[in-house]
Amino acid sequence: MSTQGPSQGHVLRRLTQLYIGLALYGASSALLVRAGLGLEPWNVLHQGLAERTGLTIGVVSIIVGAAVLLLWIPLRQRPGLGTVSNVFVVGIAMDGTLALVPDAHSLAVRVPLLLAGVVLNGVATGLYIAARFGPGPRDGLMTGLHRRTGRSIRLMRTAVEVAVVVTGFALGGTIGVGTLLYAVSIGPLAQLFLRVFAVPTASGGSTVVAAAPPRRAILRR
């Protein structure tokens, strides 16, 4: 009995962090959409596809996430609970938040929405990755390409995200100061909150922040 309690509590904490983090990630992305000052790379693509298809950006995010997950098969990546949950929870949370938060027209409202979205995204990233239930589908794509090609994760991420942004912008996605602010701030913010939300190991020993690949390839949608 005494050995099972702490283990169950440990898993419960990790699960709680996972789903709160994913929900907040979707909410933060929705705030960036409402700010209208530029989106994260993958959401530039999602927004562009949503404009072209008439689907909501959250639904497009789910479809793209599922498609990216299929690319894990030839890359021999193994998804975790967090990977599969990421596909659905983020998109649902994004659409739910967009339904609650009205359009913003004044810069006095849009700038705070942008800043709140970026910071909340960092918090969500720390929560989600520190839970250690597997990388998001897009992160797994980067690490899989890194292993298969021998190229650096930084190069793989840059190449894929540049292609994603260019394609998304051509389709009608929003890029701007928010895109740049996100690019330069999400790394430091995520590293900060990875430490804040680090989950101790079940044995009560050293604190584990995240596995090596997720730390080098911070979740960016």
N, C-alpha and C. Protein backbone atom coordinates (compact mmCIF):
# COMPACT_ATOMS: atom_id res chain seq x y z
N MET A 1 0.82 -1.20 0.00
CA MET A 1 0.00 0.00 0.00
C MET A 1 0.85 1.25 0.00
N SER A 2 1.84 1.29 0.85
CA SER A 2 2.66 2.49 1.00
C SER A 2 3.48 2.78 -0.24
N THR A 3 3.81 1.73 -1.02
CA THR A 3 4.60 1.96 -2.22
C THR A 3 3.75 2.40 -3.40
N GLN A 4 2.45 2.05 -3.39
CA GLN A 4 1.60 2.40 -4.52
C GLN A 4 1.11 3.83 -4.45
N GLY A 5 0.87 4.36 -3.22
CA GLY A 5 0.32 5.70 -3.07
C GLY A 5 1.15 6.77 -3.73
N PRO A 6 2.45 6.89 -3.37
CA PRO A 6 3.27 7.91 -3.99
C PRO A 6 3.36 7.76 -5.50
N SER A 7 3.41 6.49 -5.99
CA SER A 7 3.50 6.27 -7.43
C SER A 7 2.24 6.77 -8.13
N GLN A 8 1.08 6.48 -7.56
CA GLN A 8 -0.18 6.93 -8.15
C GLN A 8 -0.27 8.45 -8.12
N GLY A 9 0.17 9.05 -7.02
CA GLY A 9 0.17 10.50 -6.93
C GLY A 9 1.10 11.14 -7.94
N HIS A 10 2.23 10.48 -8.17
CA HIS A 10 3.20 10.97 -9.13
C HIS A 10 2.62 10.97 -10.54
N VAL A 11 1.97 9.86 -10.92
CA VAL A 11 1.36 9.77 -12.24
C VAL A 11 0.21 10.76 -12.38
N LEU A 12 -0.58 10.92 -11.31
CA LEU A 12 -1.69 11.86 -11.35
C LEU A 12 -1.19 13.28 -11.57
N ARG A 13 -0.09 13.65 -10.90
CA ARG A 13 0.46 14.99 -11.11
C ARG A 13 0.90 15.17 -12.55
N ARG A 14 1.56 14.17 -13.09
CA ARG A 14 2.03 14.28 -14.47
C ARG A 14 0.87 14.39 -15.45
N LEU A 15 -0.18 13.59 -15.23
CA LEU A 15 -1.35 13.66 -16.10
C LEU A 15 -2.03 15.02 -16.00
N THR A 16 -2.11 15.55 -14.79
CA THR A 16 -2.72 16.86 -14.58
C THR A 16 -1.93 17.93 -15.33
N GLN A 17 -0.60 17.87 -15.19
CA GLN A 17 0.26 18.84 -15.89
C GLN A 17 0.09 18.71 -17.40
N LEU A 18 0.03 17.48 -17.88
CA LEU A 18 -0.09 17.25 -19.31
C LEU A 18 -1.33 17.94 -19.87
N TYR A 19 -2.49 17.67 -19.28
CA TYR A 19 -3.73 18.16 -19.86
C TYR A 19 -3.97 19.65 -19.58
N ILE A 20 -3.53 20.13 -18.43
CA ILE A 20 -3.60 21.58 -18.20
C ILE A 20 -2.68 22.29 -19.19
N GLY A 21 -1.48 21.75 -19.38
CA GLY A 21 -0.54 22.36 -20.31
C GLY A 21 -1.08 22.40 -21.74
N LEU A 22 -1.65 21.30 -22.19
CA LEU A 22 -2.19 21.26 -23.55
C LEU A 22 -3.37 22.21 -23.71
N ALA A 23 -4.24 22.26 -22.70
CA ALA A 23 -5.38 23.17 -22.77
C ALA A 23 -4.92 24.63 -22.79
N LEU A 24 -3.94 24.95 -21.96
CA LEU A 24 -3.41 26.32 -21.94
C LEU A 24 -2.69 26.65 -23.23
N TYR A 25 -2.07 25.64 -23.83
CA TYR A 25 -1.40 25.88 -25.11
C TYR A 25 -2.42 26.31 -26.17
N GLY A 26 -3.53 25.59 -26.22
CA GLY A 26 -4.58 25.96 -27.15
C GLY A 26 -5.15 27.34 -26.86
N ALA A 27 -5.33 27.64 -25.57
CA ALA A 27 -5.84 28.95 -25.19
C ALA A 27 -4.87 30.06 -25.56
N SER A 28 -3.58 29.82 -25.35
CA SER A 28 -2.58 30.84 -25.69
C SER A 28 -2.55 31.10 -27.19
N SER A 29 -2.68 30.05 -27.98
CA SER A 29 -2.71 30.22 -29.43
C SER A 29 -3.93 31.03 -29.86
N ALA A 30 -5.06 30.80 -29.19
CA ALA A 30 -6.27 31.57 -29.50
C ALA A 30 -6.09 33.05 -29.19
N LEU A 31 -5.39 33.37 -28.10
CA LEU A 31 -5.13 34.76 -27.76
C LEU A 31 -4.28 35.43 -28.84
N LEU A 32 -3.32 34.70 -29.38
CA LEU A 32 -2.49 35.24 -30.46
C LEU A 32 -3.33 35.47 -31.72
N VAL A 33 -4.27 34.59 -31.97
CA VAL A 33 -5.17 34.78 -33.11
C VAL A 33 -5.99 36.05 -32.93
N ARG A 34 -6.54 36.24 -31.75
CA ARG A 34 -7.36 37.42 -31.48
C ARG A 34 -6.52 38.71 -31.50
N ALA A 35 -5.26 38.62 -31.10
CA ALA A 35 -4.40 39.80 -31.13
C ALA A 35 -4.16 40.26 -32.57
N GLY A 36 -4.08 39.32 -33.50
CA GLY A 36 -3.94 39.66 -34.91
C GLY A 36 -2.63 40.32 -35.27
N LEU A 37 -1.60 40.07 -34.49
CA LEU A 37 -0.30 40.71 -34.73
C LEU A 37 0.77 39.71 -35.15
N GLY A 38 0.36 38.52 -35.49
CA GLY A 38 1.30 37.49 -35.91
C GLY A 38 1.19 36.25 -35.06
N LEU A 39 1.24 35.08 -35.70
CA LEU A 39 1.06 33.80 -35.02
C LEU A 39 2.36 33.01 -34.96
N GLU A 40 2.33 31.93 -34.17
CA GLU A 40 3.43 30.98 -34.15
C GLU A 40 3.53 30.33 -35.54
N PRO A 41 4.70 29.80 -35.90
CA PRO A 41 4.87 29.26 -37.26
C PRO A 41 3.79 28.28 -37.71
N TRP A 42 3.52 27.25 -36.91
CA TRP A 42 2.54 26.26 -37.36
C TRP A 42 1.13 26.83 -37.43
N ASN A 43 0.80 27.78 -36.56
CA ASN A 43 -0.54 28.35 -36.61
C ASN A 43 -0.72 29.32 -37.76
N VAL A 44 0.39 29.84 -38.31
CA VAL A 44 0.28 30.59 -39.56
C VAL A 44 -0.27 29.67 -40.64
N LEU A 45 0.27 28.45 -40.68
CA LEU A 45 -0.23 27.46 -41.64
C LEU A 45 -1.66 27.07 -41.34
N HIS A 46 -1.96 26.81 -40.08
CA HIS A 46 -3.32 26.40 -39.71
C HIS A 46 -4.33 27.49 -40.08
N GLN A 47 -3.98 28.74 -39.80
CA GLN A 47 -4.90 29.83 -40.11
C GLN A 47 -5.10 29.96 -41.62
N GLY A 48 -4.00 29.84 -42.37
CA GLY A 48 -4.11 29.92 -43.82
C GLY A 48 -5.00 28.83 -44.38
N LEU A 49 -4.82 27.60 -43.90
CA LEU A 49 -5.66 26.49 -44.35
C LEU A 49 -7.12 26.69 -43.93
N ALA A 50 -7.32 27.25 -42.73
CA ALA A 50 -8.68 27.52 -42.27
C ALA A 50 -9.37 28.55 -43.17
N GLU A 51 -8.61 29.56 -43.59
CA GLU A 51 -9.16 30.57 -44.50
C GLU A 51 -9.60 29.95 -45.82
N ARG A 52 -8.83 28.98 -46.29
CA ARG A 52 -9.10 28.37 -47.59
C ARG A 52 -10.19 27.31 -47.55
N THR A 53 -10.31 26.63 -46.42
CA THR A 53 -11.24 25.49 -46.33
C THR A 53 -12.57 25.83 -45.67
N GLY A 54 -12.59 26.90 -44.88
CA GLY A 54 -13.80 27.23 -44.13
C GLY A 54 -13.92 26.49 -42.82
N LEU A 55 -12.94 25.63 -42.51
CA LEU A 55 -12.92 24.95 -41.22
C LEU A 55 -12.39 25.88 -40.15
N THR A 56 -12.65 25.56 -38.89
CA THR A 56 -12.08 26.37 -37.81
C THR A 56 -10.59 26.07 -37.70
N ILE A 57 -9.85 27.01 -37.14
CA ILE A 57 -8.41 26.82 -37.01
C ILE A 57 -8.09 25.66 -36.08
N GLY A 58 -8.94 25.43 -35.09
CA GLY A 58 -8.73 24.31 -34.19
C GLY A 58 -8.88 22.98 -34.90
N VAL A 59 -9.90 22.86 -35.74
CA VAL A 59 -10.11 21.62 -36.50
C VAL A 59 -8.95 21.40 -37.47
N VAL A 60 -8.49 22.47 -38.12
CA VAL A 60 -7.35 22.35 -39.03
C VAL A 60 -6.11 21.89 -38.25
N SER A 61 -5.93 22.44 -37.04
CA SER A 61 -4.79 22.04 -36.21
C SER A 61 -4.83 20.54 -35.91
N ILE A 62 -6.02 20.02 -35.63
CA ILE A 62 -6.18 18.59 -35.36
C ILE A 62 -5.84 17.77 -36.60
N ILE A 63 -6.34 18.19 -37.76
CA ILE A 63 -6.10 17.45 -39.00
C ILE A 63 -4.61 17.46 -39.35
N VAL A 64 -3.98 18.64 -39.24
CA VAL A 64 -2.56 18.73 -39.56
C VAL A 64 -1.74 17.91 -38.56
N GLY A 65 -2.11 17.98 -37.28
CA GLY A 65 -1.40 17.21 -36.27
C GLY A 65 -1.47 15.72 -36.55
N ALA A 66 -2.65 15.24 -36.95
CA ALA A 66 -2.81 13.83 -37.28
C ALA A 66 -1.98 13.46 -38.51
N ALA A 67 -1.95 14.35 -39.50
CA ALA A 67 -1.16 14.09 -40.71
C ALA A 67 0.33 14.03 -40.38
N VAL A 68 0.78 14.96 -39.54
CA VAL A 68 2.20 14.96 -39.14
C VAL A 68 2.52 13.69 -38.37
N LEU A 69 1.59 13.24 -37.55
CA LEU A 69 1.81 12.02 -36.78
C LEU A 69 2.00 10.81 -37.70
N LEU A 70 1.32 10.79 -38.83
CA LEU A 70 1.50 9.70 -39.79
C LEU A 70 2.92 9.69 -40.36
N LEU A 71 3.54 10.87 -40.42
CA LEU A 71 4.92 10.95 -40.92
C LEU A 71 5.91 10.31 -39.94
N TRP A 72 5.46 10.08 -38.70
CA TRP A 72 6.33 9.41 -37.73
C TRP A 72 6.61 7.96 -38.15
N ILE A 73 5.71 7.37 -38.93
CA ILE A 73 5.86 5.94 -39.26
C ILE A 73 7.15 5.68 -40.04
N PRO A 74 7.39 6.39 -41.17
CA PRO A 74 8.66 6.13 -41.87
C PRO A 74 9.88 6.62 -41.09
N LEU A 75 9.65 7.57 -40.15
CA LEU A 75 10.77 8.06 -39.33
C LEU A 75 11.03 7.18 -38.12
N ARG A 76 10.17 6.17 -37.93
CA ARG A 76 10.29 5.21 -36.83
C ARG A 76 10.25 5.89 -35.46
N GLN A 77 9.37 6.86 -35.36
CA GLN A 77 9.14 7.53 -34.08
C GLN A 77 8.02 6.81 -33.34
N ARG A 78 8.11 6.78 -32.02
CA ARG A 78 7.08 6.12 -31.21
C ARG A 78 6.32 7.17 -30.40
N PRO A 79 5.02 7.35 -30.67
CA PRO A 79 4.24 8.36 -29.93
C PRO A 79 3.95 7.93 -28.51
N GLY A 80 3.76 8.92 -27.65
CA GLY A 80 3.34 8.67 -26.28
C GLY A 80 1.93 9.21 -26.07
N LEU A 81 1.45 9.09 -24.85
CA LEU A 81 0.12 9.61 -24.52
C LEU A 81 0.04 11.10 -24.82
N GLY A 82 1.11 11.82 -24.47
CA GLY A 82 1.13 13.26 -24.71
C GLY A 82 1.09 13.61 -26.18
N THR A 83 1.68 12.75 -27.01
CA THR A 83 1.71 12.99 -28.45
C THR A 83 0.30 12.94 -29.03
N VAL A 84 -0.40 11.87 -28.70
CA VAL A 84 -1.77 11.70 -29.22
C VAL A 84 -2.70 12.74 -28.61
N SER A 85 -2.56 13.00 -27.33
CA SER A 85 -3.42 13.99 -26.68
C SER A 85 -3.21 15.37 -27.28
N ASN A 86 -1.96 15.68 -27.62
CA ASN A 86 -1.64 16.97 -28.22
C ASN A 86 -2.47 17.23 -29.46
N VAL A 87 -2.62 16.21 -30.29
CA VAL A 87 -3.34 16.37 -31.55
C VAL A 87 -4.75 16.91 -31.32
N PHE A 88 -5.43 16.39 -30.31
CA PHE A 88 -6.83 16.73 -30.10
C PHE A 88 -7.06 17.87 -29.11
N VAL A 89 -6.37 17.83 -27.98
CA VAL A 89 -6.68 18.78 -26.89
C VAL A 89 -6.36 20.21 -27.29
N VAL A 90 -5.22 20.43 -27.94
CA VAL A 90 -4.83 21.79 -28.30
C VAL A 90 -5.85 22.41 -29.25
N GLY A 91 -6.26 21.67 -30.27
CA GLY A 91 -7.22 22.21 -31.23
C GLY A 91 -8.57 22.50 -30.60
N ILE A 92 -9.03 21.59 -29.75
CA ILE A 92 -10.32 21.80 -29.08
C ILE A 92 -10.26 23.02 -28.16
N ALA A 93 -9.16 23.15 -27.40
CA ALA A 93 -9.01 24.29 -26.49
C ALA A 93 -8.90 25.60 -27.27
N MET A 94 -8.27 25.55 -28.43
CA MET A 94 -8.14 26.76 -29.23
C MET A 94 -9.50 27.25 -29.71
N ASP A 95 -10.28 26.34 -30.27
CA ASP A 95 -11.61 26.73 -30.74
C ASP A 95 -12.51 27.17 -29.59
N GLY A 96 -12.40 26.49 -28.45
CA GLY A 96 -13.21 26.87 -27.29
C GLY A 96 -12.87 28.27 -26.81
N THR A 97 -11.59 28.59 -26.76
CA THR A 97 -11.17 29.94 -26.32
C THR A 97 -11.59 30.99 -27.33
N LEU A 98 -11.46 30.70 -28.61
CA LEU A 98 -11.88 31.66 -29.64
C LEU A 98 -13.37 31.95 -29.56
N ALA A 99 -14.15 30.95 -29.14
CA ALA A 99 -15.59 31.16 -28.99
C ALA A 99 -15.91 32.08 -27.82
N LEU A 100 -15.01 32.13 -26.84
CA LEU A 100 -15.24 32.94 -25.64
C LEU A 100 -14.63 34.33 -25.72
N VAL A 101 -13.53 34.47 -26.44
CA VAL A 101 -12.82 35.75 -26.51
C VAL A 101 -13.21 36.48 -27.80
N PRO A 102 -13.77 37.67 -27.68
CA PRO A 102 -14.22 38.39 -28.88
C PRO A 102 -13.05 38.96 -29.67
N ASP A 103 -13.34 39.38 -30.90
CA ASP A 103 -12.34 40.05 -31.72
C ASP A 103 -11.87 41.32 -31.04
N ALA A 104 -10.59 41.63 -31.21
CA ALA A 104 -10.02 42.86 -30.65
C ALA A 104 -9.63 43.78 -31.80
N HIS A 105 -9.98 45.05 -31.70
CA HIS A 105 -9.71 46.00 -32.78
C HIS A 105 -8.71 47.07 -32.37
N SER A 106 -8.68 47.41 -31.11
CA SER A 106 -7.78 48.46 -30.63
C SER A 106 -6.42 47.87 -30.26
N LEU A 107 -5.34 48.60 -30.58
CA LEU A 107 -4.00 48.16 -30.19
C LEU A 107 -3.86 48.08 -28.68
N ALA A 108 -4.64 48.90 -27.97
CA ALA A 108 -4.59 48.89 -26.50
C ALA A 108 -5.07 47.55 -25.95
N VAL A 109 -5.83 46.82 -26.74
CA VAL A 109 -6.30 45.48 -26.35
C VAL A 109 -5.45 44.41 -27.02
N ARG A 110 -5.09 44.63 -28.26
CA ARG A 110 -4.38 43.61 -29.03
C ARG A 110 -2.96 43.36 -28.50
N VAL A 111 -2.26 44.41 -28.09
CA VAL A 111 -0.90 44.22 -27.59
C VAL A 111 -0.89 43.41 -26.29
N PRO A 112 -1.75 43.73 -25.30
CA PRO A 112 -1.80 42.87 -24.10
C PRO A 112 -2.20 41.43 -24.42
N LEU A 113 -3.09 41.24 -25.38
CA LEU A 113 -3.45 39.88 -25.78
C LEU A 113 -2.24 39.14 -26.34
N LEU A 114 -1.46 39.84 -27.15
CA LEU A 114 -0.25 39.24 -27.71
C LEU A 114 0.72 38.84 -26.61
N LEU A 115 1.00 39.76 -25.69
CA LEU A 115 1.95 39.47 -24.61
C LEU A 115 1.44 38.34 -23.72
N ALA A 116 0.15 38.37 -23.40
CA ALA A 116 -0.43 37.31 -22.57
C ALA A 116 -0.34 35.97 -23.29
N GLY A 117 -0.59 35.97 -24.60
CA GLY A 117 -0.53 34.73 -25.36
C GLY A 117 0.86 34.13 -25.38
N VAL A 118 1.88 34.97 -25.56
CA VAL A 118 3.26 34.47 -25.61
C VAL A 118 3.69 33.91 -24.26
N VAL A 119 3.40 34.65 -23.19
CA VAL A 119 3.79 34.19 -21.85
C VAL A 119 3.03 32.92 -21.49
N LEU A 120 1.74 32.90 -21.76
CA LEU A 120 0.93 31.71 -21.44
C LEU A 120 1.41 30.51 -22.24
N ASN A 121 1.87 30.75 -23.46
CA ASN A 121 2.41 29.67 -24.27
C ASN A 121 3.66 29.09 -23.63
N GLY A 122 4.50 29.95 -23.07
CA GLY A 122 5.69 29.47 -22.35
C GLY A 122 5.32 28.65 -21.13
N VAL A 123 4.32 29.11 -20.38
CA VAL A 123 3.84 28.36 -19.21
C VAL A 123 3.32 26.99 -19.65
N ALA A 124 2.50 26.99 -20.69
CA ALA A 124 1.91 25.74 -21.18
C ALA A 124 2.98 24.77 -21.67
N THR A 125 3.99 25.30 -22.34
CA THR A 125 5.08 24.46 -22.84
C THR A 125 5.82 23.80 -21.68
N GLY A 126 6.10 24.58 -20.64
CA GLY A 126 6.77 24.03 -19.47
C GLY A 126 5.96 22.94 -18.80
N LEU A 127 4.67 23.17 -18.64
CA LEU A 127 3.79 22.17 -18.04
C LEU A 127 3.75 20.90 -18.86
N TYR A 128 3.55 21.04 -20.14
CA TYR A 128 3.35 19.89 -21.02
C TYR A 128 4.62 19.05 -21.16
N ILE A 129 5.74 19.68 -21.45
CA ILE A 129 6.97 18.93 -21.66
C ILE A 129 7.48 18.30 -20.36
N ALA A 130 7.37 19.05 -19.25
CA ALA A 130 7.85 18.53 -17.97
C ALA A 130 7.06 17.30 -17.50
N ALA A 131 5.84 17.13 -18.03
CA ALA A 131 5.05 15.95 -17.68
C ALA A 131 5.64 14.67 -18.24
N ARG A 132 6.45 14.76 -19.28
CA ARG A 132 7.20 13.63 -19.85
C ARG A 132 6.30 12.49 -20.35
N PHE A 133 5.30 12.86 -21.15
CA PHE A 133 4.45 11.85 -21.78
C PHE A 133 4.67 11.79 -23.29
N GLY A 134 5.81 12.25 -23.75
CA GLY A 134 6.11 12.19 -25.18
C GLY A 134 6.01 13.55 -25.83
N PRO A 135 6.79 13.78 -26.88
CA PRO A 135 6.78 15.07 -27.57
C PRO A 135 5.52 15.26 -28.40
N GLY A 136 5.24 16.51 -28.76
CA GLY A 136 4.15 16.78 -29.67
C GLY A 136 4.47 16.23 -31.05
N PRO A 137 3.45 16.05 -31.90
CA PRO A 137 3.70 15.48 -33.22
C PRO A 137 4.68 16.27 -34.05
N ARG A 138 4.64 17.60 -33.94
CA ARG A 138 5.55 18.43 -34.74
C ARG A 138 6.98 18.36 -34.20
N ASP A 139 7.12 18.29 -32.88
CA ASP A 139 8.45 18.12 -32.30
C ASP A 139 9.05 16.78 -32.68
N GLY A 140 8.21 15.75 -32.65
CA GLY A 140 8.69 14.43 -33.03
C GLY A 140 9.13 14.38 -34.48
N LEU A 141 8.47 15.17 -35.32
CA LEU A 141 8.89 15.26 -36.71
C LEU A 141 10.31 15.81 -36.80
N MET A 142 10.59 16.86 -36.02
CA MET A 142 11.92 17.47 -36.03
C MET A 142 12.99 16.49 -35.55
N THR A 143 12.73 15.84 -34.42
CA THR A 143 13.73 14.92 -33.87
C THR A 143 13.89 13.69 -34.76
N GLY A 144 12.79 13.26 -35.40
CA GLY A 144 12.88 12.13 -36.31
C GLY A 144 13.71 12.46 -37.54
N LEU A 145 13.51 13.65 -38.09
CA LEU A 145 14.31 14.08 -39.24
C LEU A 145 15.78 14.22 -38.85
N HIS A 146 16.00 14.69 -37.63
CA HIS A 146 17.37 14.81 -37.12
C HIS A 146 18.07 13.45 -37.09
N ARG A 147 17.38 12.45 -36.59
CA ARG A 147 17.98 11.12 -36.49
C ARG A 147 18.18 10.46 -37.85
N ARG A 148 17.22 10.68 -38.76
CA ARG A 148 17.29 10.02 -40.07
C ARG A 148 18.29 10.68 -41.00
N THR A 149 18.45 12.01 -40.88
CA THR A 149 19.33 12.73 -41.81
C THR A 149 20.71 13.00 -41.24
N GLY A 150 20.83 12.99 -39.92
CA GLY A 150 22.10 13.34 -39.29
C GLY A 150 22.31 14.83 -39.18
N ARG A 151 21.35 15.62 -39.66
CA ARG A 151 21.43 17.08 -39.55
C ARG A 151 21.00 17.52 -38.16
N SER A 152 21.41 18.72 -37.78
CA SER A 152 21.08 19.21 -36.44
C SER A 152 19.58 19.47 -36.30
N ILE A 153 19.09 19.35 -35.06
CA ILE A 153 17.69 19.65 -34.79
C ILE A 153 17.39 21.10 -35.15
N ARG A 154 18.33 21.99 -34.84
CA ARG A 154 18.12 23.41 -35.15
C ARG A 154 17.90 23.61 -36.64
N LEU A 155 18.71 22.94 -37.47
CA LEU A 155 18.57 23.07 -38.92
C LEU A 155 17.24 22.48 -39.38
N MET A 156 16.88 21.32 -38.86
CA MET A 156 15.62 20.69 -39.25
C MET A 156 14.43 21.55 -38.86
N ARG A 157 14.47 22.08 -37.64
CA ARG A 157 13.37 22.94 -37.19
C ARG A 157 13.27 24.19 -38.05
N THR A 158 14.41 24.82 -38.30
CA THR A 158 14.39 26.04 -39.09
C THR A 158 13.85 25.79 -40.49
N ALA A 159 14.33 24.72 -41.13
CA ALA A 159 13.90 24.41 -42.50
C ALA A 159 12.39 24.13 -42.55
N VAL A 160 11.91 23.31 -41.61
CA VAL A 160 10.48 22.97 -41.62
C VAL A 160 9.63 24.18 -41.29
N GLU A 161 10.01 24.96 -40.29
CA GLU A 161 9.18 26.07 -39.87
C GLU A 161 9.20 27.22 -40.87
N VAL A 162 10.31 27.42 -41.57
CA VAL A 162 10.32 28.42 -42.63
C VAL A 162 9.35 28.01 -43.74
N ALA A 163 9.39 26.73 -44.10
CA ALA A 163 8.48 26.24 -45.12
C ALA A 163 7.03 26.37 -44.68
N VAL A 164 6.77 26.08 -43.40
CA VAL A 164 5.42 26.18 -42.85
C VAL A 164 4.92 27.62 -42.86
N VAL A 165 5.78 28.56 -42.44
CA VAL A 165 5.39 29.97 -42.39
C VAL A 165 5.14 30.52 -43.80
N VAL A 166 6.04 30.21 -44.72
CA VAL A 166 5.89 30.71 -46.09
C VAL A 166 4.60 30.17 -46.72
N THR A 167 4.35 28.88 -46.54
CA THR A 167 3.12 28.28 -47.08
C THR A 167 1.88 28.88 -46.43
N GLY A 168 1.92 29.00 -45.10
CA GLY A 168 0.78 29.56 -44.38
C GLY A 168 0.49 30.99 -44.77
N PHE A 169 1.54 31.79 -44.91
CA PHE A 169 1.37 33.19 -45.31
C PHE A 169 0.77 33.28 -46.71
N ALA A 170 1.24 32.43 -47.62
CA ALA A 170 0.70 32.42 -48.98
C ALA A 170 -0.78 32.06 -49.00
N LEU A 171 -1.21 31.27 -48.02
CA LEU A 171 -2.61 30.85 -47.94
C LEU A 171 -3.48 31.86 -47.19
N GLY A 172 -2.86 32.87 -46.58
CA GLY A 172 -3.63 33.89 -45.87
C GLY A 172 -3.41 33.93 -44.37
N GLY A 173 -2.43 33.17 -43.88
CA GLY A 173 -2.11 33.21 -42.45
C GLY A 173 -1.44 34.52 -42.06
N THR A 174 -1.49 34.85 -40.77
CA THR A 174 -0.99 36.13 -40.28
C THR A 174 0.43 36.01 -39.74
N ILE A 175 1.34 36.79 -40.29
CA ILE A 175 2.66 36.93 -39.70
C ILE A 175 2.87 38.40 -39.37
N GLY A 176 3.70 38.67 -38.37
CA GLY A 176 3.93 40.05 -37.96
C GLY A 176 4.85 40.10 -36.77
N VAL A 177 4.74 41.18 -36.02
CA VAL A 177 5.62 41.36 -34.87
C VAL A 177 5.44 40.25 -33.85
N GLY A 178 4.21 39.71 -33.77
CA GLY A 178 3.95 38.62 -32.84
C GLY A 178 4.71 37.36 -33.21
N THR A 179 4.86 37.12 -34.50
CA THR A 179 5.62 35.95 -34.95
C THR A 179 7.08 36.08 -34.52
N LEU A 180 7.64 37.27 -34.70
CA LEU A 180 9.03 37.52 -34.31
C LEU A 180 9.19 37.46 -32.79
N LEU A 181 8.26 38.08 -32.06
CA LEU A 181 8.34 38.06 -30.60
C LEU A 181 8.27 36.63 -30.08
N TYR A 182 7.41 35.84 -30.65
CA TYR A 182 7.30 34.44 -30.24
C TYR A 182 8.60 33.70 -30.49
N ALA A 183 9.18 33.93 -31.66
CA ALA A 183 10.40 33.20 -32.05
C ALA A 183 11.55 33.47 -31.09
N VAL A 184 11.68 34.72 -30.63
CA VAL A 184 12.83 35.06 -29.79
C VAL A 184 12.58 34.81 -28.30
N SER A 185 11.32 34.69 -27.91
CA SER A 185 11.03 34.60 -26.47
C SER A 185 10.60 33.22 -26.00
N ILE A 186 10.09 32.37 -26.92
CA ILE A 186 9.52 31.10 -26.45
C ILE A 186 10.59 30.19 -25.87
N GLY A 187 11.81 30.20 -26.42
CA GLY A 187 12.87 29.36 -25.88
C GLY A 187 13.20 29.67 -24.43
N PRO A 188 13.57 30.93 -24.13
CA PRO A 188 13.84 31.28 -22.72
C PRO A 188 12.65 31.06 -21.80
N LEU A 189 11.43 31.41 -22.26
CA LEU A 189 10.25 31.21 -21.42
C LEU A 189 10.02 29.73 -21.14
N ALA A 190 10.14 28.91 -22.16
CA ALA A 190 9.91 27.48 -21.98
C ALA A 190 10.95 26.88 -21.02
N GLN A 191 12.21 27.26 -21.16
CA GLN A 191 13.24 26.74 -20.27
C GLN A 191 12.97 27.15 -18.82
N LEU A 192 12.52 28.39 -18.63
CA LEU A 192 12.19 28.86 -17.28
C LEU A 192 11.08 28.00 -16.68
N PHE A 193 10.00 27.81 -17.43
CA PHE A 193 8.86 27.09 -16.87
C PHE A 193 9.07 25.58 -16.84
N LEU A 194 9.98 25.06 -17.65
CA LEU A 194 10.37 23.66 -17.50
C LEU A 194 10.95 23.43 -16.11
N ARG A 195 11.75 24.36 -15.64
CA ARG A 195 12.33 24.24 -14.29
C ARG A 195 11.25 24.42 -13.21
N VAL A 196 10.36 25.38 -13.43
CA VAL A 196 9.30 25.65 -12.44
C VAL A 196 8.40 24.43 -12.25
N PHE A 197 8.06 23.76 -13.36
CA PHE A 197 7.09 22.67 -13.30
C PHE A 197 7.73 21.29 -13.37
N ALA A 198 9.04 21.21 -13.17
CA ALA A 198 9.72 19.92 -13.20
C ALA A 198 9.08 18.95 -12.20
N VAL A 199 8.86 17.72 -12.64
CA VAL A 199 8.23 16.70 -11.81
C VAL A 199 9.31 15.79 -11.23
N PRO A 200 9.40 15.65 -9.90
CA PRO A 200 10.37 14.73 -9.30
C PRO A 200 10.12 13.30 -9.77
N THR A 201 11.15 12.49 -9.80
CA THR A 201 10.98 11.09 -10.17
C THR A 201 10.15 10.37 -9.12
N ALA A 202 9.56 9.27 -9.52
CA ALA A 202 8.67 8.53 -8.62
C ALA A 202 9.38 8.09 -7.35
N SER A 203 10.69 7.85 -7.42
CA SER A 203 11.44 7.39 -6.26
C SER A 203 11.79 8.52 -5.30
N GLY A 204 11.46 9.77 -5.74
CA GLY A 204 11.77 10.90 -4.89
C GLY A 204 13.20 11.36 -5.02
N GLY A 205 13.88 10.87 -6.07
CA GLY A 205 15.28 11.23 -6.27
C GLY A 205 15.40 12.53 -7.03
N SER A 206 16.30 12.52 -8.01
CA SER A 206 16.59 13.75 -8.74
C SER A 206 15.39 14.20 -9.56
N THR A 207 15.33 15.49 -9.84
CA THR A 207 14.25 16.06 -10.61
C THR A 207 14.57 15.95 -12.10
N VAL A 208 13.58 15.46 -12.84
CA VAL A 208 13.75 15.33 -14.28
C VAL A 208 12.91 16.41 -14.96
N VAL A 209 13.53 17.21 -15.80
CA VAL A 209 12.81 18.27 -16.48
C VAL A 209 12.17 17.74 -17.75
N ALA A 210 12.94 17.15 -18.61
CA ALA A 210 12.44 16.58 -19.85
C ALA A 210 13.55 15.77 -20.47
N ALA A 211 13.16 14.88 -21.34
CA ALA A 211 14.17 14.09 -22.06
C ALA A 211 14.96 15.00 -22.97
N ALA A 212 16.12 14.56 -23.40
CA ALA A 212 17.02 15.41 -24.17
C ALA A 212 16.41 15.98 -25.44
N PRO A 213 15.77 15.16 -26.30
CA PRO A 213 15.24 15.72 -27.54
C PRO A 213 14.22 16.81 -27.33
N PRO A 214 13.18 16.65 -26.44
CA PRO A 214 12.23 17.72 -26.23
C PRO A 214 12.88 19.01 -25.72
N ARG A 215 13.94 18.92 -24.89
CA ARG A 215 14.57 20.14 -24.38
C ARG A 215 15.27 20.88 -25.51
N ARG A 216 15.83 20.15 -26.47
CA ARG A 216 16.51 20.81 -27.57
C ARG A 216 15.54 21.27 -28.64
N ALA A 217 14.39 20.68 -28.65
CA ALA A 217 13.42 21.02 -29.69
C ALA A 217 12.13 21.45 -29.02
N ILE A 218 12.16 22.62 -28.41
CA ILE A 218 11.00 23.12 -27.67
C ILE A 218 9.75 23.13 -28.53
N LEU A 219 8.65 22.69 -27.91
CA LEU A 219 7.39 22.55 -28.63
C LEU A 219 6.95 23.89 -29.18
N ARG A 220 6.87 23.97 -30.51
CA ARG A 220 6.36 25.15 -31.18
C ARG A 220 5.41 24.69 -32.25
N ARG A 221 4.17 25.12 -32.17
CA ARG A 221 3.20 24.70 -33.16
C ARG A 221 3.13 25.72 -34.26
